[in-house]
Amino acid sequence: MRLALTGRNLTITPALRLVVTRRLEKLDRLLHRSIISAQIALQVQKDRVKADVRVTTRGDHDFSGHGEATNARASVIDAITKVEHQASKVKGKWEARKRRSTTIASAEAPPAPAPPPRASRRAVDAVAPAVRVIRIRRTTAKPMQLEDAILRVDAAPGAVLVFRDATLDRVQVLVRRGDGHIGLVDPDA
């Protein structure tokens, strides 16, 4: 986690830095160690200290909080507490989504009963549960030569490797066939 602690008209003391790092470590534990960076700006205006906190996490989540108090420690704690509240809300949504998906899946698709001994293929397909498609937003295909990609494909039939061909500069797919040979799928061809 990168921490940028800035003081405008204020010197950052080691005690203040310790308070900030401890509160951010607590926040990082709450978010399952997903904080990438945190920027904290402290500014003195007359008799008040304003703290602006911005935390960036994996998964494109940005949290921000603003605190204002008579001393720097109280304003930082106030701002980080607001960020912790936002993070706990998001974490609750993550957990609710996990819980909801298992309960919905179990309610929608009860366990499939065993088909009768001489059931037709259509009857077996009608009893099978629906397959869920989970969309992956970001993937990076590692650039490599075809020979290197062949070495990395698993020996199990049906194994798949997606890679970016370094010589052709396009995405290709290797599939281990049932007969032991390797099939090359070129989506751009």
C-alpha atoms as a PDB file:
ATOM      1  CA  MET A   1       0.000   0.000   0.000  1.00  0.00           C
ATOM      2  CA  ARG A   2       1.356   3.385  -1.007  1.00  0.00           C
ATOM      3  CA  LEU A   3       0.728   6.186   1.458  1.00  0.00           C
ATOM      4  CA  ALA A   4       1.016   9.866   0.554  1.00  0.00           C
ATOM      5  CA  LEU A   5       0.667  12.006   3.665  1.00  0.00           C
ATOM      6  CA  THR A   6       0.771  15.728   2.889  1.00  0.00           C
ATOM      7  CA  GLY A   7       0.641  18.645   5.301  1.00  0.00           C
ATOM      8  CA  ARG A   8      -0.185  22.168   4.176  1.00  0.00           C
ATOM      9  CA  ASN A   9       0.885  24.749   6.769  1.00  0.00           C
ATOM     10  CA  LEU A  10       1.451  21.770   9.074  1.00  0.00           C
ATOM     11  CA  THR A  11       4.390  19.514   9.848  1.00  0.00           C
ATOM     12  CA  ILE A  12       3.705  15.790   9.894  1.00  0.00           C
ATOM     13  CA  THR A  13       4.953  14.392  13.182  1.00  0.00           C
ATOM     14  CA  PRO A  14       5.949  10.750  13.655  1.00  0.00           C
ATOM     15  CA  ALA A  15       3.071  10.320  16.135  1.00  0.00           C
ATOM     16  CA  LEU A  16       0.561  11.563  13.564  1.00  0.00           C
ATOM     17  CA  ARG A  17       2.061   9.277  10.915  1.00  0.00           C
ATOM     18  CA  LEU A  18       1.743   6.347  13.354  1.00  0.00           C
ATOM     19  CA  VAL A  19      -1.952   7.104  13.975  1.00  0.00           C
ATOM     20  CA  VAL A  20      -2.606   7.267  10.232  1.00  0.00           C
ATOM     21  CA  THR A  21      -0.790   4.011   9.447  1.00  0.00           C
ATOM     22  CA  ARG A  22      -2.553   2.124  12.247  1.00  0.00           C
ATOM     23  CA  ARG A  23      -5.999   3.273  11.114  1.00  0.00           C
ATOM     24  CA  LEU A  24      -5.194   2.434   7.493  1.00  0.00           C
ATOM     25  CA  GLU A  25      -3.938  -1.032   8.491  1.00  0.00           C
ATOM     26  CA  LYS A  26      -7.278  -1.625  10.213  1.00  0.00           C
ATOM     27  CA  LEU A  27      -9.080  -0.468   7.058  1.00  0.00           C
ATOM     28  CA  ASP A  28      -6.867  -2.707   4.919  1.00  0.00           C
ATOM     29  CA  ARG A  29      -7.778  -5.745   7.056  1.00  0.00           C
ATOM     30  CA  LEU A  30     -11.452  -4.851   6.667  1.00  0.00           C
ATOM     31  CA  LEU A  31     -11.057  -4.833   2.865  1.00  0.00           C
ATOM     32  CA  HIS A  32      -9.074  -8.113   2.758  1.00  0.00           C
ATOM     33  CA  ARG A  33      -5.738  -6.455   1.939  1.00  0.00           C
ATOM     34  CA  SER A  34      -6.996  -4.818  -1.240  1.00  0.00           C
ATOM     35  CA  ILE A  35      -5.866  -1.207  -0.698  1.00  0.00           C
ATOM     36  CA  ILE A  36      -3.555  -0.036  -3.469  1.00  0.00           C
ATOM     37  CA  SER A  37      -2.918   3.542  -2.362  1.00  0.00           C
ATOM     38  CA  ALA A  38      -4.024   6.145   0.157  1.00  0.00           C
ATOM     39  CA  GLN A  39      -3.634   9.915  -0.124  1.00  0.00           C
ATOM     40  CA  ILE A  40      -4.155  12.051   2.960  1.00  0.00           C
ATOM     41  CA  ALA A  41      -3.940  15.840   2.847  1.00  0.00           C
ATOM     42  CA  LEU A  42      -3.990  17.893   6.042  1.00  0.00           C
ATOM     43  CA  GLN A  43      -4.563  21.622   5.847  1.00  0.00           C
ATOM     44  CA  VAL A  44      -4.581  24.226   8.615  1.00  0.00           C
ATOM     45  CA  GLN A  45      -7.070  27.078   8.283  1.00  0.00           C
ATOM     46  CA  LYS A  46      -7.257  29.515  11.208  1.00  0.00           C
ATOM     47  CA  ASP A  47      -8.003  27.341  14.247  1.00  0.00           C
ATOM     48  CA  ARG A  48      -9.269  24.253  12.318  1.00  0.00           C
ATOM     49  CA  VAL A  49      -7.447  21.356  10.691  1.00  0.00           C
ATOM     50  CA  LYS A  50      -9.071  19.799   7.647  1.00  0.00           C
ATOM     51  CA  ALA A  51      -8.239  16.260   6.525  1.00  0.00           C
ATOM     52  CA  ASP A  52      -9.073  14.831   3.118  1.00  0.00           C
ATOM     53  CA  VAL A  53      -8.606  11.074   2.685  1.00  0.00           C
ATOM     54  CA  ARG A  54      -8.787   9.171  -0.601  1.00  0.00           C
ATOM     55  CA  VAL A  55      -8.282   5.401  -0.696  1.00  0.00           C
ATOM     56  CA  THR A  56      -8.010   3.398  -3.919  1.00  0.00           C
ATOM     57  CA  THR A  57      -8.562  -0.377  -3.835  1.00  0.00           C
ATOM     58  CA  ARG A  58      -8.461  -3.275  -6.235  1.00  0.00           C
ATOM     59  CA  GLY A  59     -11.729  -3.734  -8.068  1.00  0.00           C
ATOM     60  CA  ASP A  60     -12.015  -0.054  -9.035  1.00  0.00           C
ATOM     61  CA  HIS A  61     -13.350   1.119  -5.700  1.00  0.00           C
ATOM     62  CA  ASP A  62     -12.461   4.597  -4.492  1.00  0.00           C
ATOM     63  CA  PHE A  63     -13.379   5.785  -1.022  1.00  0.00           C
ATOM     64  CA  SER A  64     -13.050   9.344   0.194  1.00  0.00           C
ATOM     65  CA  GLY A  65     -13.695  11.094   3.460  1.00  0.00           C
ATOM     66  CA  HIS A  66     -13.412  14.577   4.848  1.00  0.00           C
ATOM     67  CA  GLY A  67     -12.791  15.436   8.480  1.00  0.00           C
ATOM     68  CA  GLU A  68     -12.489  18.692  10.324  1.00  0.00           C
ATOM     69  CA  ALA A  69     -11.467  19.278  13.949  1.00  0.00           C
ATOM     70  CA  THR A  70      -9.342  21.496  16.157  1.00  0.00           C
ATOM     71  CA  ASN A  71      -6.307  19.202  15.962  1.00  0.00           C
ATOM     72  CA  ALA A  72      -4.769  17.071  13.192  1.00  0.00           C
ATOM     73  CA  ARG A  73      -5.199  13.720  14.970  1.00  0.00           C
ATOM     74  CA  ALA A  74      -8.944  14.157  15.472  1.00  0.00           C
ATOM     75  CA  SER A  75      -9.538  15.356  11.908  1.00  0.00           C
ATOM     76  CA  VAL A  76      -7.630  12.384  10.425  1.00  0.00           C
ATOM     77  CA  ILE A  77      -9.508   9.906  12.616  1.00  0.00           C
ATOM     78  CA  ASP A  78     -12.819  11.506  11.619  1.00  0.00           C
ATOM     79  CA  ALA A  79     -12.005  11.282   7.898  1.00  0.00           C
ATOM     80  CA  ILE A  80     -10.736   7.680   8.074  1.00  0.00           C
ATOM     81  CA  THR A  81     -13.820   6.674  10.087  1.00  0.00           C
ATOM     82  CA  LYS A  82     -15.991   7.930   7.232  1.00  0.00           C
ATOM     83  CA  VAL A  83     -13.936   5.888   4.776  1.00  0.00           C
ATOM     84  CA  GLU A  84     -14.250   2.817   7.042  1.00  0.00           C
ATOM     85  CA  HIS A  85     -18.040   3.263   7.042  1.00  0.00           C
ATOM     86  CA  GLN A  86     -18.081   3.353   3.228  1.00  0.00           C
ATOM     87  CA  ALA A  87     -15.837   0.287   3.069  1.00  0.00           C
ATOM     88  CA  SER A  88     -18.004  -1.694   5.482  1.00  0.00           C
ATOM     89  CA  LYS A  89     -21.040  -0.877   3.329  1.00  0.00           C
ATOM     90  CA  VAL A  90     -19.301  -2.199   0.222  1.00  0.00           C
ATOM     91  CA  LYS A  91     -18.092  -5.270   2.091  1.00  0.00           C
ATOM     92  CA  GLY A  92     -21.655  -5.927   3.245  1.00  0.00           C
ATOM     93  CA  LYS A  93     -22.813  -5.760  -0.364  1.00  0.00           C
ATOM     94  CA  TRP A  94     -20.099  -8.243  -1.387  1.00  0.00           C
ATOM     95  CA  GLU A  95     -21.154 -10.683   1.333  1.00  0.00           C
ATOM     96  CA  ALA A  96     -24.854 -10.230   0.582  1.00  0.00           C
ATOM     97  CA  ARG A  97     -24.204 -10.948  -3.070  1.00  0.00           C
ATOM     98  CA  LYS A  98     -22.335 -14.126  -2.153  1.00  0.00           C
ATOM     99  CA  ARG A  99     -25.104 -15.246   0.180  1.00  0.00           C
ATOM    100  CA  ARG A 100     -27.835 -14.329  -2.285  1.00  0.00           C
ATOM    101  CA  SER A 101     -26.221 -16.197  -5.170  1.00  0.00           C
ATOM    102  CA  THR A 102     -26.025 -19.455  -3.215  1.00  0.00           C
ATOM    103  CA  THR A 103     -29.577 -19.198  -1.912  1.00  0.00           C
ATOM    104  CA  ILE A 104     -30.996 -18.253  -5.308  1.00  0.00           C
ATOM    105  CA  ALA A 105     -29.063 -21.013  -7.029  1.00  0.00           C
ATOM    106  CA  SER A 106     -30.320 -23.567  -4.526  1.00  0.00           C
ATOM    107  CA  ALA A 107     -33.895 -22.264  -4.831  1.00  0.00           C
ATOM    108  CA  GLU A 108     -33.860 -22.159  -8.634  1.00  0.00           C
ATOM    109  CA  ALA A 109     -32.108 -25.432  -9.309  1.00  0.00           C
ATOM    110  CA  PRO A 110     -32.925 -28.142  -6.807  1.00  0.00           C
ATOM    111  CA  PRO A 111     -30.640 -31.153  -6.906  1.00  0.00           C
ATOM    112  CA  ALA A 112     -31.328 -33.163 -10.022  1.00  0.00           C
ATOM    113  CA  PRO A 113     -33.001 -36.486  -9.343  1.00  0.00           C
ATOM    114  CA  ALA A 114     -31.419 -39.566 -10.854  1.00  0.00           C
ATOM    115  CA  PRO A 115     -32.947 -40.302 -14.264  1.00  0.00           C
ATOM    116  CA  PRO A 116     -34.788 -43.552 -14.776  1.00  0.00           C
ATOM    117  CA  PRO A 117     -32.582 -46.382 -16.030  1.00  0.00           C
ATOM    118  CA  ARG A 118     -33.802 -46.228 -19.642  1.00  0.00           C
ATOM    119  CA  ALA A 119     -34.422 -42.494 -19.982  1.00  0.00           C
ATOM    120  CA  SER A 120     -34.017 -40.806 -23.321  1.00  0.00           C
ATOM    121  CA  ARG A 121     -31.337 -38.146 -23.856  1.00  0.00           C
ATOM    122  CA  ARG A 122     -33.949 -35.349 -23.920  1.00  0.00           C
ATOM    123  CA  ALA A 123     -35.275 -36.395 -20.527  1.00  0.00           C
ATOM    124  CA  VAL A 124     -31.762 -36.313 -19.055  1.00  0.00           C
ATOM    125  CA  ASP A 125     -31.116 -32.829 -20.544  1.00  0.00           C
ATOM    126  CA  ALA A 126     -34.400 -31.522 -19.121  1.00  0.00           C
ATOM    127  CA  VAL A 127     -33.408 -32.640 -15.604  1.00  0.00           C
ATOM    128  CA  ALA A 128     -29.854 -31.187 -15.727  1.00  0.00           C
ATOM    129  CA  PRO A 129     -29.443 -27.862 -13.862  1.00  0.00           C
ATOM    130  CA  ALA A 130     -28.879 -24.638 -15.798  1.00  0.00           C
ATOM    131  CA  VAL A 131     -25.267 -23.602 -16.373  1.00  0.00           C
ATOM    132  CA  ARG A 132     -24.274 -20.152 -15.129  1.00  0.00           C
ATOM    133  CA  VAL A 133     -21.962 -18.003 -17.236  1.00  0.00           C
ATOM    134  CA  ILE A 134     -19.673 -15.788 -15.182  1.00  0.00           C
ATOM    135  CA  ARG A 135     -18.214 -12.872 -17.120  1.00  0.00           C
ATOM    136  CA  ILE A 136     -14.579 -12.020 -16.453  1.00  0.00           C
ATOM    137  CA  ARG A 137     -13.937  -8.352 -17.088  1.00  0.00           C
ATOM    138  CA  ARG A 138     -10.185  -8.181 -17.324  1.00  0.00           C
ATOM    139  CA  THR A 139      -7.760 -10.730 -18.623  1.00  0.00           C
ATOM    140  CA  THR A 140      -4.319 -10.313 -20.035  1.00  0.00           C
ATOM    141  CA  ALA A 141      -2.980 -12.784 -22.534  1.00  0.00           C
ATOM    142  CA  LYS A 142       0.738 -13.190 -21.926  1.00  0.00           C
ATOM    143  CA  PRO A 143       2.841 -12.645 -25.064  1.00  0.00           C
ATOM    144  CA  MET A 144       4.875 -15.754 -25.927  1.00  0.00           C
ATOM    145  CA  GLN A 145       6.070 -17.851 -28.817  1.00  0.00           C
ATOM    146  CA  LEU A 146       3.959 -20.780 -30.041  1.00  0.00           C
ATOM    147  CA  GLU A 147       6.618 -23.278 -28.912  1.00  0.00           C
ATOM    148  CA  ASP A 148       6.583 -21.871 -25.352  1.00  0.00           C
ATOM    149  CA  ALA A 149       2.789 -21.979 -25.256  1.00  0.00           C
ATOM    150  CA  ILE A 150       2.759 -25.630 -26.343  1.00  0.00           C
ATOM    151  CA  LEU A 151       5.024 -26.491 -23.407  1.00  0.00           C
ATOM    152  CA  ARG A 152       2.667 -24.752 -20.959  1.00  0.00           C
ATOM    153  CA  VAL A 153      -0.551 -26.561 -22.000  1.00  0.00           C
ATOM    154  CA  ASP A 154      -1.593 -29.176 -19.447  1.00  0.00           C
ATOM    155  CA  ALA A 155      -1.518 -32.840 -20.422  1.00  0.00           C
ATOM    156  CA  ALA A 156      -5.190 -33.385 -19.465  1.00  0.00           C
ATOM    157  CA  PRO A 157      -7.626 -33.644 -22.398  1.00  0.00           C
ATOM    158  CA  GLY A 158      -9.637 -30.438 -22.740  1.00  0.00           C
ATOM    159  CA  ALA A 159      -6.942 -28.207 -21.199  1.00  0.00           C
ATOM    160  CA  VAL A 160      -6.988 -24.682 -22.641  1.00  0.00           C
ATOM    161  CA  LEU A 161      -4.307 -21.984 -22.815  1.00  0.00           C
ATOM    162  CA  VAL A 162      -4.993 -18.445 -24.064  1.00  0.00           C
ATOM    163  CA  PHE A 163      -1.923 -16.498 -25.109  1.00  0.00           C
ATOM    164  CA  ARG A 164      -0.823 -13.611 -27.325  1.00  0.00           C
ATOM    165  CA  ASP A 165       1.401 -14.819 -30.146  1.00  0.00           C
ATOM    166  CA  ALA A 166       4.503 -12.605 -30.029  1.00  0.00           C
ATOM    167  CA  THR A 167       5.265 -12.962 -33.741  1.00  0.00           C
ATOM    168  CA  LEU A 168       1.713 -12.371 -35.036  1.00  0.00           C
ATOM    169  CA  ASP A 169       0.695 -10.003 -32.195  1.00  0.00           C
ATOM    170  CA  ARG A 170      -2.793 -11.495 -31.784  1.00  0.00           C
ATOM    171  CA  VAL A 171      -4.618 -13.684 -29.299  1.00  0.00           C
ATOM    172  CA  GLN A 172      -4.624 -17.430 -29.931  1.00  0.00           C
ATOM    173  CA  VAL A 173      -5.942 -20.442 -28.033  1.00  0.00           C
ATOM    174  CA  LEU A 174      -4.353 -23.871 -27.605  1.00  0.00           C
ATOM    175  CA  VAL A 175      -6.615 -26.832 -26.735  1.00  0.00           C
ATOM    176  CA  ARG A 176      -5.408 -30.301 -25.708  1.00  0.00           C
ATOM    177  CA  ARG A 177      -7.487 -32.708 -27.772  1.00  0.00           C
ATOM    178  CA  GLY A 178      -8.757 -36.091 -26.625  1.00  0.00           C
ATOM    179  CA  ASP A 179      -6.290 -37.937 -28.877  1.00  0.00           C
ATOM    180  CA  GLY A 180      -3.333 -36.179 -27.198  1.00  0.00           C
ATOM    181  CA  HIS A 181      -2.614 -33.702 -29.984  1.00  0.00           C
ATOM    182  CA  ILE A 182      -2.909 -29.937 -29.566  1.00  0.00           C
ATOM    183  CA  GLY A 183      -5.430 -27.845 -31.489  1.00  0.00           C
ATOM    184  CA  LEU A 184      -4.684 -24.195 -32.333  1.00  0.00           C
ATOM    185  CA  VAL A 185      -7.675 -21.848 -32.416  1.00  0.00           C
ATOM    186  CA  ASP A 186      -7.028 -18.517 -34.132  1.00  0.00           C
ATOM    187  CA  PRO A 187     -10.040 -16.260 -33.466  1.00  0.00           C
ATOM    188  CA  ASP A 188      -8.805 -13.551 -35.843  1.00  0.00           C
ATOM    189  CA  ALA A 189      -8.398 -15.893 -38.840  1.00  0.00           C
END
